[in-house]
Amino acid sequence: MLKYGNRGYMEEDKGPMLYKITFSFLAAAILMVILRLISRWYLLRAQRPTLSENLIISSLLIDITSCILIHFQINTGMGKHIEYSRARPAMLVESMKMGLAQNACYQALIGLVKLSILAQFHQIAPPGMQKKVVFWVGVFVSILTLFTVSAAIFQCIPMSAAWDLENFPKGCWNMMEVNFFTSSMSTFLDICIFILPFPSMMKLQITFKKKTTLSLAYSMGLLALVCSIIRLRNIVHFNGEGDFTYVASMVPVWGAIECNAGIICASFPFILPLINRINGFAAQKLTKSRLSPT
């Protein structure tokens, strides 16, 4: 990496890469939710949306908002070196405002995605201890989400101190410690949520093949877990000082990847009927083509 004073240093820009990653995952998440709704409402003839669907649709709307805020962060200097932003103080102030709003969206989004997945598990869990465990994990996630969103919004008193270039971080919490705590808790909960459905699935009265398929579908939750761990690693690697607009530019993007991966993983089990329908249609067409005379 170039150092300050080197030729080309001020022109270094991660922005185009951040755009491609963020909006590619957003597009994939939107597609998966659309396919999920088609599968549920068209193929399975669902009469009304479930709690899980309401939560995932709300998550997607906040996800779109979060990615738009990342767009504005990139436009106001994220991905470029801090010296570039310091030479444009008005732009840096706007970037810090966008960063606060985007972090609040991320905290709400990651909580809603977890709650959507837990709502799915609550539906398939048998009455008894398993259902109670899922319910109380959901309560804990709800309380933690309220705390993390509040901490993101009110990280400074008054709020304007969060973008006061002369006095920052005076009047503010140590957000590196807060982000480390919330990210650690999020990763821990991802591990718990990944484990939760398997005891219930083993008790379902379905064939072994269907159990295996469903288990593999929920195992996609590993993708969101890996993204959560990588985001946590990025926070640990970045100590909150120095060239944060460049060095820490992947932190919100890894958050976007994590949330979009969560939406994709939460939706995947619901599109299995659609995949089976497409496979059946393709097999039928192949059989007809073989039987038809040449």
Protein backbone atom coordinates (compact mmCIF):
# COMPACT_ATOMS: atom_id res chain seq x y z
CA MET A 1 0.00 0.00 0.00
CA LEU A 2 1.23 3.49 -0.83
CA LYS A 3 2.15 5.86 2.01
CA TYR A 4 1.22 9.50 2.43
CA GLY A 5 3.41 11.59 0.17
CA ASN A 6 3.90 8.83 -2.40
CA ARG A 7 2.81 9.55 -5.93
CA GLY A 8 -0.73 8.32 -6.54
CA TYR A 9 -1.53 8.07 -2.81
CA MET A 10 -4.38 10.59 -2.90
CA GLU A 11 -5.87 8.90 -5.98
CA GLU A 12 -6.13 5.44 -4.34
CA ASP A 13 -9.81 4.56 -4.21
CA LYS A 14 -11.59 1.39 -3.08
CA GLY A 15 -14.95 2.93 -4.01
CA PRO A 16 -15.64 1.00 -7.26
CA MET A 17 -14.87 -2.32 -5.53
CA LEU A 18 -17.11 -1.41 -2.57
CA TYR A 19 -19.95 -0.59 -4.97
CA LYS A 20 -19.66 -3.89 -6.85
CA ILE A 21 -19.59 -6.03 -3.71
CA THR A 22 -22.39 -4.20 -1.87
CA PHE A 23 -24.89 -4.03 -4.71
CA SER A 24 -24.14 -7.52 -6.09
CA PHE A 25 -25.12 -9.05 -2.75
CA LEU A 26 -28.13 -6.73 -2.48
CA ALA A 27 -29.34 -7.86 -5.93
CA ALA A 28 -28.94 -11.52 -4.89
CA ALA A 29 -30.93 -10.91 -1.69
CA ILE A 30 -33.75 -9.14 -3.58
CA LEU A 31 -33.92 -12.02 -6.09
CA MET A 32 -34.09 -14.64 -3.32
CA VAL A 33 -36.91 -12.84 -1.50
CA ILE A 34 -38.88 -12.51 -4.76
CA LEU A 35 -38.41 -16.24 -5.47
CA ARG A 36 -39.41 -17.03 -1.88
CA LEU A 37 -42.66 -15.08 -2.22
CA ILE A 38 -43.42 -16.69 -5.60
CA SER A 39 -42.83 -20.14 -4.10
CA ARG A 40 -44.97 -19.46 -1.02
CA TRP A 41 -47.87 -17.59 -2.61
CA TYR A 42 -48.02 -19.15 -6.08
CA LEU A 43 -46.83 -22.76 -5.65
CA LEU A 44 -47.82 -23.40 -2.03
CA ARG A 45 -50.95 -21.20 -2.22
CA ALA A 46 -50.25 -19.41 1.08
CA GLN A 47 -53.27 -17.34 2.13
CA ARG A 48 -51.41 -14.68 4.11
CA PRO A 49 -47.81 -13.77 4.96
CA THR A 50 -46.30 -15.35 8.05
CA LEU A 51 -44.43 -13.45 10.77
CA SER A 52 -41.19 -14.70 9.22
CA GLU A 53 -42.16 -13.26 5.82
CA ASN A 54 -43.18 -9.91 7.30
CA LEU A 55 -39.83 -9.71 9.07
CA ILE A 56 -37.82 -10.66 5.98
CA ILE A 57 -39.67 -8.08 3.83
CA SER A 58 -39.00 -5.42 6.50
CA SER A 59 -35.38 -6.56 6.56
CA LEU A 60 -35.09 -6.18 2.80
CA LEU A 61 -36.46 -2.61 2.91
CA ILE A 62 -33.96 -1.64 5.61
CA ASP A 63 -31.26 -3.49 3.66
CA ILE A 64 -31.95 -1.34 0.59
CA THR A 65 -31.80 1.79 2.78
CA SER A 66 -28.50 0.62 4.31
CA CYS A 67 -26.95 0.02 0.88
CA ILE A 68 -28.11 3.46 -0.32
CA LEU A 69 -26.37 4.97 2.72
CA ILE A 70 -23.20 3.03 1.82
CA HIS A 71 -23.51 4.60 -1.64
CA PHE A 72 -23.54 8.07 -0.04
CA GLN A 73 -20.62 7.11 2.22
CA ILE A 74 -18.58 6.16 -0.84
CA ASN A 75 -19.61 9.42 -2.54
CA THR A 76 -18.37 11.37 0.49
CA GLY A 77 -14.96 9.76 0.76
CA MET A 78 -15.26 6.20 2.09
CA GLY A 79 -12.67 4.10 0.29
CA LYS A 80 -10.27 7.03 -0.09
CA HIS A 81 -7.49 8.06 2.29
CA ILE A 82 -8.34 10.27 5.26
CA GLU A 83 -6.09 13.07 3.96
CA TYR A 84 -8.39 13.36 0.94
CA SER A 85 -11.39 13.83 3.25
CA ARG A 86 -9.62 16.18 5.67
CA ALA A 87 -8.91 18.51 2.76
CA ARG A 88 -12.70 18.61 2.26
CA PRO A 89 -14.13 19.06 5.81
CA ALA A 90 -17.74 19.60 4.67
CA MET A 91 -17.61 16.28 2.80
CA LEU A 92 -16.08 14.51 5.82
CA VAL A 93 -18.92 15.80 8.04
CA GLU A 94 -21.48 14.38 5.59
CA SER A 95 -19.60 11.07 5.52
CA MET A 96 -19.67 10.84 9.33
CA LYS A 97 -23.43 11.54 9.34
CA MET A 98 -24.00 8.83 6.74
CA GLY A 99 -21.81 6.46 8.75
CA LEU A 100 -23.93 6.96 11.88
CA ALA A 101 -27.18 6.38 9.95
CA GLN A 102 -25.79 3.33 8.14
CA ASN A 103 -24.55 1.75 11.38
CA ALA A 104 -28.00 2.21 12.95
CA CYS A 105 -29.59 0.54 9.89
CA TYR A 106 -27.09 -2.33 10.09
CA GLN A 107 -27.86 -2.96 13.78
CA ALA A 108 -31.62 -3.00 13.11
CA LEU A 109 -31.20 -5.13 9.99
CA ILE A 110 -29.04 -7.84 11.52
CA GLY A 111 -31.53 -8.17 14.39
CA LEU A 112 -34.55 -8.44 12.06
CA VAL A 113 -32.85 -11.11 9.92
CA LYS A 114 -32.13 -13.18 13.04
CA LEU A 115 -35.73 -12.77 14.24
CA SER A 116 -37.05 -13.86 10.83
CA ILE A 117 -34.98 -17.05 10.99
CA LEU A 118 -36.07 -17.69 14.59
CA ALA A 119 -39.72 -17.24 13.55
CA GLN A 120 -39.19 -20.02 10.97
CA PHE A 121 -37.67 -22.29 13.63
CA HIS A 122 -40.55 -21.56 16.01
CA GLN A 123 -42.98 -22.83 13.36
CA ILE A 124 -41.25 -26.19 12.91
CA ALA A 125 -40.19 -26.70 16.56
CA PRO A 126 -42.29 -29.28 18.46
CA PRO A 127 -44.19 -28.09 21.55
CA GLY A 128 -42.09 -28.18 24.69
CA MET A 129 -38.55 -27.19 25.56
CA GLN A 130 -37.35 -26.69 21.96
CA LYS A 131 -40.12 -24.16 21.23
CA LYS A 132 -39.44 -22.33 24.50
CA VAL A 133 -35.71 -22.10 23.77
CA VAL A 134 -36.39 -20.59 20.33
CA PHE A 135 -38.87 -18.12 21.86
CA TRP A 136 -36.48 -16.91 24.58
CA VAL A 137 -33.59 -16.62 22.14
CA GLY A 138 -35.92 -14.41 20.08
CA VAL A 139 -36.67 -12.27 23.14
CA PHE A 140 -32.95 -11.88 23.83
CA VAL A 141 -32.28 -10.92 20.18
CA SER A 142 -35.08 -8.31 20.35
CA ILE A 143 -33.66 -6.72 23.51
CA LEU A 144 -30.11 -6.77 22.13
CA THR A 145 -31.30 -5.19 18.86
CA LEU A 146 -33.02 -2.34 20.74
CA PHE A 147 -29.79 -1.75 22.69
CA THR A 148 -27.50 -1.83 19.64
CA VAL A 149 -29.74 0.48 17.56
CA SER A 150 -30.00 2.94 20.48
CA ALA A 151 -26.23 2.79 21.02
CA ALA A 152 -25.62 3.48 17.31
CA ILE A 153 -28.00 6.46 17.23
CA PHE A 154 -27.10 7.99 20.59
CA GLN A 155 -23.38 7.21 20.55
CA CYS A 156 -22.73 10.90 21.27
CA ILE A 157 -24.54 13.42 23.48
CA PRO A 158 -25.58 15.66 21.82
CA MET A 159 -25.93 13.67 18.58
CA SER A 160 -24.17 16.43 16.61
CA ALA A 161 -20.96 15.61 18.52
CA ALA A 162 -20.67 12.52 16.28
CA TRP A 163 -19.71 14.74 13.33
CA ASP A 164 -18.07 17.63 15.20
CA LEU A 165 -14.59 17.57 13.64
CA GLU A 166 -13.09 19.88 16.28
CA ASN A 167 -14.26 18.02 19.39
CA PHE A 168 -14.87 14.41 18.27
CA PRO A 169 -14.77 11.97 20.13
CA LYS A 170 -15.52 14.19 23.15
CA GLY A 171 -18.97 13.35 24.53
CA CYS A 172 -19.07 10.01 22.69
CA TRP A 173 -18.88 6.40 23.74
CA ASN A 174 -15.89 4.36 22.70
CA MET A 175 -17.60 3.01 19.59
CA MET A 176 -14.78 0.58 18.85
CA GLU A 177 -15.50 -1.19 22.14
CA VAL A 178 -19.27 -1.02 21.55
CA ASN A 179 -18.93 -2.36 17.99
CA PHE A 180 -16.63 -5.13 19.20
CA PHE A 181 -19.16 -6.13 21.87
CA THR A 182 -22.17 -6.05 19.53
CA SER A 183 -20.31 -7.89 16.76
CA SER A 184 -19.11 -10.54 19.21
CA MET A 185 -22.67 -11.04 20.49
CA SER A 186 -23.97 -11.19 16.91
CA THR A 187 -21.42 -13.88 16.01
CA PHE A 188 -22.29 -15.87 19.15
CA LEU A 189 -26.01 -15.67 18.31
CA ASP A 190 -25.30 -16.73 14.71
CA ILE A 191 -23.66 -19.89 16.08
CA CYS A 192 -26.65 -20.56 18.38
CA ILE A 193 -29.17 -19.95 15.58
CA PHE A 194 -27.20 -22.21 13.24
CA ILE A 195 -27.46 -25.09 15.76
CA LEU A 196 -31.09 -24.53 16.86
CA PRO A 197 -33.11 -26.09 13.98
CA PHE A 198 -31.34 -29.43 13.72
CA PRO A 199 -32.96 -31.18 16.75
CA SER A 200 -36.41 -30.17 15.47
CA MET A 201 -35.69 -31.29 11.90
CA MET A 202 -34.60 -34.71 13.10
CA LYS A 203 -38.04 -35.17 14.70
CA LEU A 204 -40.05 -34.12 11.62
CA GLN A 205 -42.19 -36.89 10.09
CA ILE A 206 -40.61 -36.66 6.64
CA THR A 207 -38.32 -38.90 4.60
CA PHE A 208 -34.59 -39.05 5.26
CA LYS A 209 -33.94 -37.49 1.85
CA LYS A 210 -36.14 -34.49 2.69
CA LYS A 211 -34.49 -34.14 6.10
CA THR A 212 -31.07 -34.13 4.45
CA THR A 213 -32.16 -31.53 1.88
CA LEU A 214 -33.66 -29.30 4.58
CA SER A 215 -30.54 -29.67 6.75
CA LEU A 216 -28.32 -28.67 3.83
CA ALA A 217 -30.58 -25.68 3.14
CA TYR A 218 -30.29 -24.42 6.71
CA SER A 219 -26.55 -25.15 6.67
CA MET A 220 -26.26 -22.23 4.26
CA GLY A 221 -26.46 -20.16 7.45
CA LEU A 222 -22.73 -20.85 7.70
CA LEU A 223 -22.27 -18.19 4.99
CA ALA A 224 -23.75 -15.47 7.22
CA LEU A 225 -21.72 -16.78 10.16
CA VAL A 226 -18.46 -16.59 8.20
CA CYS A 227 -19.28 -13.01 7.10
CA SER A 228 -19.99 -12.06 10.72
CA ILE A 229 -16.61 -13.46 11.82
CA ILE A 230 -14.78 -11.62 9.02
CA ARG A 231 -16.50 -8.34 9.94
CA LEU A 232 -15.48 -8.87 13.57
CA ARG A 233 -11.90 -9.52 12.44
CA ASN A 234 -11.94 -6.26 10.45
CA ILE A 235 -13.08 -4.34 13.54
CA VAL A 236 -10.31 -5.91 15.64
CA HIS A 237 -7.72 -5.18 12.92
CA PHE A 238 -8.83 -1.53 12.76
CA ASN A 239 -8.06 0.21 16.07
CA GLY A 240 -10.32 3.22 15.48
CA GLU A 241 -7.58 5.66 14.63
CA GLY A 242 -5.65 6.89 11.62
CA ASP A 243 -6.72 6.32 8.02
CA PHE A 244 -10.19 5.03 8.89
CA THR A 245 -11.93 6.12 5.65
CA TYR A 246 -9.56 3.80 3.72
CA VAL A 247 -8.47 1.09 6.17
CA ALA A 248 -11.93 0.51 7.71
CA SER A 249 -13.91 0.97 4.49
CA MET A 250 -14.69 -2.77 4.33
CA VAL A 251 -16.36 -2.83 7.78
CA PRO A 252 -19.78 -1.51 6.60
CA VAL A 253 -19.45 -3.51 3.38
CA TRP A 254 -18.82 -6.76 5.28
CA GLY A 255 -21.86 -5.81 7.37
CA ALA A 256 -23.90 -5.50 4.15
CA ILE A 257 -22.56 -8.86 2.93
CA GLU A 258 -23.45 -10.46 6.27
CA CYS A 259 -27.02 -9.09 6.22
CA ASN A 260 -27.62 -10.00 2.58
CA ALA A 261 -26.18 -13.47 3.18
CA GLY A 262 -28.57 -13.81 6.13
CA ILE A 263 -31.55 -12.85 3.95
CA ILE A 264 -30.42 -15.33 1.27
CA CYS A 265 -29.98 -18.13 3.82
CA ALA A 266 -33.34 -17.36 5.47
CA SER A 267 -35.11 -17.51 2.10
CA PHE A 268 -33.39 -20.54 0.58
CA PRO A 269 -35.44 -23.29 2.34
CA PHE A 270 -38.64 -21.68 1.02
CA ILE A 271 -37.57 -21.82 -2.63
CA LEU A 272 -36.95 -25.59 -2.52
CA PRO A 273 -40.50 -26.28 -3.89
CA LEU A 274 -39.74 -23.91 -6.78
CA ILE A 275 -36.44 -25.69 -7.46
CA ASN A 276 -38.23 -29.06 -7.37
CA ARG A 277 -40.91 -27.76 -9.77
CA ILE A 278 -38.25 -26.51 -12.20
CA ASN A 279 -36.33 -29.82 -11.94
CA GLY A 280 -39.53 -31.78 -12.54
CA PHE A 281 -40.44 -29.64 -15.54
CA ALA A 282 -36.93 -30.02 -16.99
CA ALA A 283 -37.02 -33.81 -16.46
CA GLN A 284 -40.44 -34.01 -18.12
CA LYS A 285 -39.24 -32.04 -21.15
CA LEU A 286 -36.14 -34.25 -21.40
CA THR A 287 -38.25 -37.43 -21.28
CA LYS A 288 -40.59 -36.14 -23.98
CA SER A 289 -37.68 -35.20 -26.23
CA ARG A 290 -36.23 -38.70 -25.89
CA LEU A 291 -39.56 -40.40 -26.62
CA SER A 292 -40.49 -38.19 -29.56
CA PRO A 293 -39.48 -39.52 -32.99
CA THR A 294 -36.54 -37.85 -34.72
